[in-house]
C-alpha atoms as a PDB file:
ATOM      1  CA  UNK A   1      -9.512   5.269  13.031  1.00  0.00           C
ATOM      2  CA  UNK A   2      -7.220   4.574  15.961  1.00  0.00           C
ATOM      3  CA  UNK A   3      -5.898   7.407  18.125  1.00  0.00           C
ATOM      4  CA  UNK A   4      -2.444   7.035  16.585  1.00  0.00           C
ATOM      5  CA  UNK A   5      -1.566   6.789  12.882  1.00  0.00           C
ATOM      6  CA  UNK A   6       0.452   3.930  11.483  1.00  0.00           C
ATOM      7  CA  UNK A   7       4.227   4.279  11.433  1.00  0.00           C
ATOM      8  CA  UNK A   8       6.010   3.825   8.101  1.00  0.00           C
ATOM      9  CA  UNK A   9       8.972   1.460   8.351  1.00  0.00           C
ATOM     10  CA  UNK A  10      11.868   1.367   5.928  1.00  0.00           C
ATOM     11  CA  UNK A  11      14.784  -0.981   5.534  1.00  0.00           C
ATOM     12  CA  UNK A  12      18.068   0.475   6.793  1.00  0.00           C
ATOM     13  CA  UNK A  13      18.873   1.666   3.253  1.00  0.00           C
ATOM     14  CA  UNK A  14      15.727   3.788   3.096  1.00  0.00           C
ATOM     15  CA  UNK A  15      13.448   1.604   0.947  1.00  0.00           C
ATOM     16  CA  UNK A  16       9.788   1.464   2.051  1.00  0.00           C
ATOM     17  CA  UNK A  17       8.904  -1.753   3.872  1.00  0.00           C
ATOM     18  CA  UNK A  18       5.508  -1.772   5.665  1.00  0.00           C
ATOM     19  CA  UNK A  19       3.099  -0.040   8.020  1.00  0.00           C
ATOM     20  CA  UNK A  20       3.261  -0.892  11.717  1.00  0.00           C
ATOM     21  CA  UNK A  21       1.180   0.109  14.720  1.00  0.00           C
ATOM     22  CA  UNK A  22       2.558   2.520  17.308  1.00  0.00           C
ATOM     23  CA  UNK A  23       2.929  -0.462  19.651  1.00  0.00           C
ATOM     24  CA  UNK A  24       5.105  -2.276  17.124  1.00  0.00           C
ATOM     25  CA  UNK A  25       7.159   0.903  16.615  1.00  0.00           C
ATOM     26  CA  UNK A  26       7.679   1.121  20.397  1.00  0.00           C
ATOM     27  CA  UNK A  27       8.921  -2.476  20.336  1.00  0.00           C
ATOM     28  CA  UNK A  28      11.496  -1.549  17.664  1.00  0.00           C
ATOM     29  CA  UNK A  29      12.659   1.433  19.733  1.00  0.00           C
ATOM     30  CA  UNK A  30      12.780  -0.560  22.997  1.00  0.00           C
ATOM     31  CA  UNK A  31      14.821  -3.344  21.363  1.00  0.00           C
ATOM     32  CA  UNK A  32      17.210  -0.811  19.772  1.00  0.00           C
ATOM     33  CA  UNK A  33      16.217  -1.949  16.279  1.00  0.00           C
ATOM     34  CA  UNK A  34      15.700   1.547  14.860  1.00  0.00           C
ATOM     35  CA  UNK A  35      18.679   2.373  12.638  1.00  0.00           C
ATOM     36  CA  UNK A  36      17.530   5.955  12.028  1.00  0.00           C
ATOM     37  CA  UNK A  37      14.338   7.983  11.917  1.00  0.00           C
ATOM     38  CA  UNK A  38      12.953  10.847   9.847  1.00  0.00           C
ATOM     39  CA  UNK A  39       9.648  12.577   9.439  1.00  0.00           C
ATOM     40  CA  UNK A  40       8.157  15.741  10.794  1.00  0.00           C
ATOM     41  CA  UNK A  41       5.756  13.924  13.101  1.00  0.00           C
ATOM     42  CA  UNK A  42       7.046  12.778  16.479  1.00  0.00           C
ATOM     43  CA  UNK A  43       4.858  10.837  18.884  1.00  0.00           C
ATOM     44  CA  UNK A  44       5.424  10.337  22.600  1.00  0.00           C
ATOM     45  CA  UNK A  45       4.036   7.145  24.102  1.00  0.00           C
ATOM     46  CA  UNK A  46       3.827   6.939  27.872  1.00  0.00           C
ATOM     47  CA  UNK A  47       4.510   3.784  29.870  1.00  0.00           C
ATOM     48  CA  UNK A  48       4.355   2.900  33.538  1.00  0.00           C
ATOM     49  CA  UNK A  49       5.482   4.932  36.543  1.00  0.00           C
ATOM     50  CA  UNK A  50       8.631   4.028  38.475  1.00  0.00           C
ATOM     51  CA  UNK A  51       7.606   3.499  42.118  1.00  0.00           C
ATOM     52  CA  UNK A  52      10.975   4.655  43.423  1.00  0.00           C
ATOM     53  CA  UNK A  53      11.459   7.849  41.427  1.00  0.00           C
ATOM     54  CA  UNK A  54       7.857   8.588  40.462  1.00  0.00           C
ATOM     55  CA  UNK A  55       8.899   9.237  36.875  1.00  0.00           C
ATOM     56  CA  UNK A  56       6.915   7.836  33.992  1.00  0.00           C
ATOM     57  CA  UNK A  57       8.669   5.973  31.188  1.00  0.00           C
ATOM     58  CA  UNK A  58       8.181   7.200  27.645  1.00  0.00           C
ATOM     59  CA  UNK A  59       9.220   6.374  24.111  1.00  0.00           C
ATOM     60  CA  UNK A  60       9.420   9.013  21.428  1.00  0.00           C
ATOM     61  CA  UNK A  61       8.750   7.626  17.930  1.00  0.00           C
ATOM     62  CA  UNK A  62       9.016   9.327  14.543  1.00  0.00           C
ATOM     63  CA  UNK A  63       6.428   8.797  11.824  1.00  0.00           C
ATOM     64  CA  UNK A  64       9.062   7.160   9.572  1.00  0.00           C
ATOM     65  CA  UNK A  65      11.631   4.735  10.988  1.00  0.00           C
ATOM     66  CA  UNK A  66      14.332   2.585   9.395  1.00  0.00           C
ATOM     67  CA  UNK A  67      14.705  -0.880  10.899  1.00  0.00           C
ATOM     68  CA  UNK A  68      18.095  -2.521  11.436  1.00  0.00           C
ATOM     69  CA  UNK A  69      18.798  -5.903   9.952  1.00  0.00           C
ATOM     70  CA  UNK A  70      19.798  -7.653   6.786  1.00  0.00           C
ATOM     71  CA  UNK A  71      16.437  -9.424   6.483  1.00  0.00           C
ATOM     72  CA  UNK A  72      14.799  -6.284   5.079  1.00  0.00           C
ATOM     73  CA  UNK A  73      17.651  -5.098   2.875  1.00  0.00           C
ATOM     74  CA  UNK A  74      16.945  -5.194  -0.850  1.00  0.00           C
ATOM     75  CA  UNK A  75      13.557  -6.904  -0.583  1.00  0.00           C
ATOM     76  CA  UNK A  76      11.295  -3.946  -0.006  1.00  0.00           C
ATOM     77  CA  UNK A  77      10.778  -2.477  -3.465  1.00  0.00           C
ATOM     78  CA  UNK A  78      11.087  -5.700  -5.467  1.00  0.00           C
ATOM     79  CA  UNK A  79       8.561  -7.981  -3.788  1.00  0.00           C
ATOM     80  CA  UNK A  80       5.202  -8.255  -5.571  1.00  0.00           C
ATOM     81  CA  UNK A  81       2.530  -6.907  -3.218  1.00  0.00           C
ATOM     82  CA  UNK A  82      -0.493  -9.084  -2.427  1.00  0.00           C
ATOM     83  CA  UNK A  83      -3.464  -8.635  -4.744  1.00  0.00           C
ATOM     84  CA  UNK A  84      -6.806  -7.644  -3.251  1.00  0.00           C
ATOM     85  CA  UNK A  85      -9.859  -5.950  -4.732  1.00  0.00           C
ATOM     86  CA  UNK A  86      -9.509  -2.905  -2.477  1.00  0.00           C
ATOM     87  CA  UNK A  87      -5.949  -2.161  -3.635  1.00  0.00           C
ATOM     88  CA  UNK A  88      -6.781  -3.114  -7.251  1.00  0.00           C
ATOM     89  CA  UNK A  89      -9.660  -0.616  -7.321  1.00  0.00           C
ATOM     90  CA  UNK A  90      -7.381   2.036  -5.800  1.00  0.00           C
ATOM     91  CA  UNK A  91      -4.648   1.252  -8.351  1.00  0.00           C
ATOM     92  CA  UNK A  92      -7.168   1.747 -11.153  1.00  0.00           C
ATOM     93  CA  UNK A  93      -8.662   4.854  -9.464  1.00  0.00           C
ATOM     94  CA  UNK A  94     -12.120   3.177  -9.280  1.00  0.00           C
ATOM     95  CA  UNK A  95     -12.439   3.489 -13.069  1.00  0.00           C
ATOM     96  CA  UNK A  96     -13.833   0.636 -15.192  1.00  0.00           C
ATOM     97  CA  UNK A  97     -11.176  -0.466 -17.686  1.00  0.00           C
ATOM     98  CA  UNK A  98     -13.829  -0.903 -20.402  1.00  0.00           C
ATOM     99  CA  UNK A  99     -16.435   1.885 -20.174  1.00  0.00           C
ATOM    100  CA  UNK A 100     -14.338   4.407 -18.205  1.00  0.00           C
ATOM    101  CA  UNK A 101     -17.006   5.052 -15.573  1.00  0.00           C
ATOM    102  CA  UNK A 102     -15.745   5.943 -12.084  1.00  0.00           C
ATOM    103  CA  UNK A 103     -17.733   4.018  -9.463  1.00  0.00           C
ATOM    104  CA  UNK A 104     -17.658   3.197  -5.735  1.00  0.00           C
ATOM    105  CA  UNK A 105     -15.986  -0.079  -4.743  1.00  0.00           C
ATOM    106  CA  UNK A 106     -19.228  -1.965  -4.116  1.00  0.00           C
ATOM    107  CA  UNK A 107     -20.176  -1.492  -7.790  1.00  0.00           C
ATOM    108  CA  UNK A 108     -16.833  -2.747  -9.122  1.00  0.00           C
ATOM    109  CA  UNK A 109     -15.411  -6.191  -9.831  1.00  0.00           C
ATOM    110  CA  UNK A 110     -12.047  -7.764 -10.554  1.00  0.00           C
ATOM    111  CA  UNK A 111     -11.836  -8.701 -14.232  1.00  0.00           C
ATOM    112  CA  UNK A 112      -9.242 -11.128 -15.569  1.00  0.00           C
ATOM    113  CA  UNK A 113      -8.042  -9.784 -18.926  1.00  0.00           C
ATOM    114  CA  UNK A 114      -7.243 -13.342 -19.992  1.00  0.00           C
ATOM    115  CA  UNK A 115     -10.062 -15.227 -18.235  1.00  0.00           C
ATOM    116  CA  UNK A 116      -9.181 -17.960 -15.743  1.00  0.00           C
ATOM    117  CA  UNK A 117     -11.217 -20.428 -17.864  1.00  0.00           C
ATOM    118  CA  UNK A 118      -8.785 -19.707 -20.725  1.00  0.00           C
ATOM    119  CA  UNK A 119      -5.671 -20.154 -18.579  1.00  0.00           C
ATOM    120  CA  UNK A 120      -5.371 -16.610 -17.248  1.00  0.00           C
ATOM    121  CA  UNK A 121      -3.874 -16.120 -13.806  1.00  0.00           C
ATOM    122  CA  UNK A 122      -4.998 -14.070 -10.827  1.00  0.00           C
ATOM    123  CA  UNK A 123      -2.056 -11.645 -10.893  1.00  0.00           C
ATOM    124  CA  UNK A 124      -1.656  -7.856 -10.985  1.00  0.00           C
ATOM    125  CA  UNK A 125      -0.635  -8.046 -14.670  1.00  0.00           C
ATOM    126  CA  UNK A 126      -3.821  -9.902 -15.659  1.00  0.00           C
ATOM    127  CA  UNK A 127      -6.483  -8.030 -13.705  1.00  0.00           C
ATOM    128  CA  UNK A 128      -8.243  -4.720 -14.119  1.00  0.00           C
ATOM    129  CA  UNK A 129     -11.150  -2.975 -12.451  1.00  0.00           C
ATOM    130  CA  UNK A 130     -14.479  -3.441 -14.240  1.00  0.00           C
ATOM    131  CA  UNK A 131     -18.025  -2.364 -13.496  1.00  0.00           C
ATOM    132  CA  UNK A 132     -20.454  -5.232 -13.052  1.00  0.00           C
ATOM    133  CA  UNK A 133     -22.122  -4.618 -16.412  1.00  0.00           C
ATOM    134  CA  UNK A 134     -18.895  -4.651 -18.416  1.00  0.00           C
ATOM    135  CA  UNK A 135     -17.605  -7.716 -16.555  1.00  0.00           C
ATOM    136  CA  UNK A 136     -20.858  -9.583 -17.328  1.00  0.00           C
ATOM    137  CA  UNK A 137     -20.750  -8.500 -20.989  1.00  0.00           C
ATOM    138  CA  UNK A 138     -17.147  -9.645 -21.352  1.00  0.00           C
ATOM    139  CA  UNK A 139     -17.933 -12.900 -19.546  1.00  0.00           C
ATOM    140  CA  UNK A 140     -15.305 -15.630 -20.056  1.00  0.00           C
ATOM    141  CA  UNK A 141     -13.755 -13.978 -23.108  1.00  0.00           C
ATOM    142  CA  UNK A 142     -10.676 -11.852 -23.698  1.00  0.00           C
ATOM    143  CA  UNK A 143     -11.319  -8.177 -24.538  1.00  0.00           C
ATOM    144  CA  UNK A 144     -10.586  -8.928 -28.203  1.00  0.00           C
ATOM    145  CA  UNK A 145     -13.022 -11.869 -28.278  1.00  0.00           C
ATOM    146  CA  UNK A 146     -15.709  -9.714 -26.617  1.00  0.00           C
ATOM    147  CA  UNK A 147     -15.057  -6.727 -28.907  1.00  0.00           C
ATOM    148  CA  UNK A 148     -14.225  -4.561 -25.885  1.00  0.00           C
ATOM    149  CA  UNK A 149     -11.225  -2.250 -25.749  1.00  0.00           C
ATOM    150  CA  UNK A 150      -9.078  -1.906 -22.622  1.00  0.00           C
ATOM    151  CA  UNK A 151      -8.772   1.782 -21.710  1.00  0.00           C
ATOM    152  CA  UNK A 152      -5.634   1.205 -19.651  1.00  0.00           C
ATOM    153  CA  UNK A 153      -3.087  -1.552 -19.150  1.00  0.00           C
ATOM    154  CA  UNK A 154      -2.632  -3.471 -15.897  1.00  0.00           C
ATOM    155  CA  UNK A 155       0.646  -3.149 -14.011  1.00  0.00           C
ATOM    156  CA  UNK A 156       2.214  -4.282 -10.755  1.00  0.00           C
ATOM    157  CA  UNK A 157       2.389  -1.473  -8.195  1.00  0.00           C
ATOM    158  CA  UNK A 158       5.767  -1.179  -6.517  1.00  0.00           C
ATOM    159  CA  UNK A 159       6.045  -1.364  -2.737  1.00  0.00           C
ATOM    160  CA  UNK A 160       5.774   2.403  -2.192  1.00  0.00           C
ATOM    161  CA  UNK A 161       2.647   2.673  -4.326  1.00  0.00           C
ATOM    162  CA  UNK A 162       1.141  -0.375  -2.609  1.00  0.00           C
ATOM    163  CA  UNK A 163       1.750   1.197   0.806  1.00  0.00           C
ATOM    164  CA  UNK A 164      -0.120   4.291  -0.400  1.00  0.00           C
ATOM    165  CA  UNK A 165      -2.955   2.175  -1.800  1.00  0.00           C
ATOM    166  CA  UNK A 166      -3.495   0.179   1.398  1.00  0.00           C
ATOM    167  CA  UNK A 167      -3.488   2.983   4.009  1.00  0.00           C
ATOM    168  CA  UNK A 168      -6.269   5.553   4.139  1.00  0.00           C
ATOM    169  CA  UNK A 169      -4.687   7.719   6.869  1.00  0.00           C
ATOM    170  CA  UNK A 170      -1.207   8.639   5.672  1.00  0.00           C
ATOM    171  CA  UNK A 171       0.529  11.581   7.313  1.00  0.00           C
ATOM    172  CA  UNK A 172       1.857  14.349   5.059  1.00  0.00           C
ATOM    173  CA  UNK A 173       5.529  13.542   5.719  1.00  0.00           C
ATOM    174  CA  UNK A 174       4.902   9.844   5.038  1.00  0.00           C
ATOM    175  CA  UNK A 175       3.090  10.642   1.777  1.00  0.00           C
ATOM    176  CA  UNK A 176       5.885  12.957   0.649  1.00  0.00           C
ATOM    177  CA  UNK A 177       8.413  10.193   1.297  1.00  0.00           C
ATOM    178  CA  UNK A 178       6.405   7.464  -0.460  1.00  0.00           C
ATOM    179  CA  UNK A 179       5.482   9.651  -3.439  1.00  0.00           C
ATOM    180  CA  UNK A 180       9.179  10.015  -4.286  1.00  0.00           C
ATOM    181  CA  UNK A 181       9.358   6.210  -4.691  1.00  0.00           C
ATOM    182  CA  UNK A 182       6.333   5.787  -6.986  1.00  0.00           C
ATOM    183  CA  UNK A 183       7.281   4.857 -10.582  1.00  0.00           C
ATOM    184  CA  UNK A 184       6.270   7.018 -13.534  1.00  0.00           C
ATOM    185  CA  UNK A 185       3.980   4.265 -14.927  1.00  0.00           C
ATOM    186  CA  UNK A 186       1.712   4.575 -11.915  1.00  0.00           C
ATOM    187  CA  UNK A 187      -1.846   5.845 -12.325  1.00  0.00           C
ATOM    188  CA  UNK A 188      -1.670   7.101  -8.724  1.00  0.00           C
ATOM    189  CA  UNK A 189      -0.966  10.802  -8.488  1.00  0.00           C
ATOM    190  CA  UNK A 190      -0.615  12.870  -5.311  1.00  0.00           C
ATOM    191  CA  UNK A 191      -3.617  15.040  -4.492  1.00  0.00           C
END
């Protein structure tokens, strides 16, 4: 883990957008692109020393910052997040959709509910977490064809849930903020 946590950025209306490094956050502050900031955590980043005055420059950054600009407005919560096994397994809480066993990531696979060989697509709504054994048993068949019951339905995580799924080191104030934006259909629950 780096010395500094990631900074949560929002659009100027308060919708979650993405994680950025402290360096990227400093860029936003230096370019006057921070519309407003919240969060209990405040970080001070030191720069160079002025030869004339001997003072050192610094930027103070909050753990949650809203970025100015129309480019972010309205897009944050409605864009489909990218699909990866890591976030899929987190979405499904590392539980096989067929046998219900909770396993570590290296023992899990991505299963296509409607197999690709039958026209299924590689999308959030067509994939679930499966243990290797169940995925091999199901093979290139649908759950119905294989006589296997799905224990839970796939869904597309919204942007806030995706941001939770893809960051392992979320600060308490960031988690509180994101948790308020997670839909009720989510399998993710705060600890």
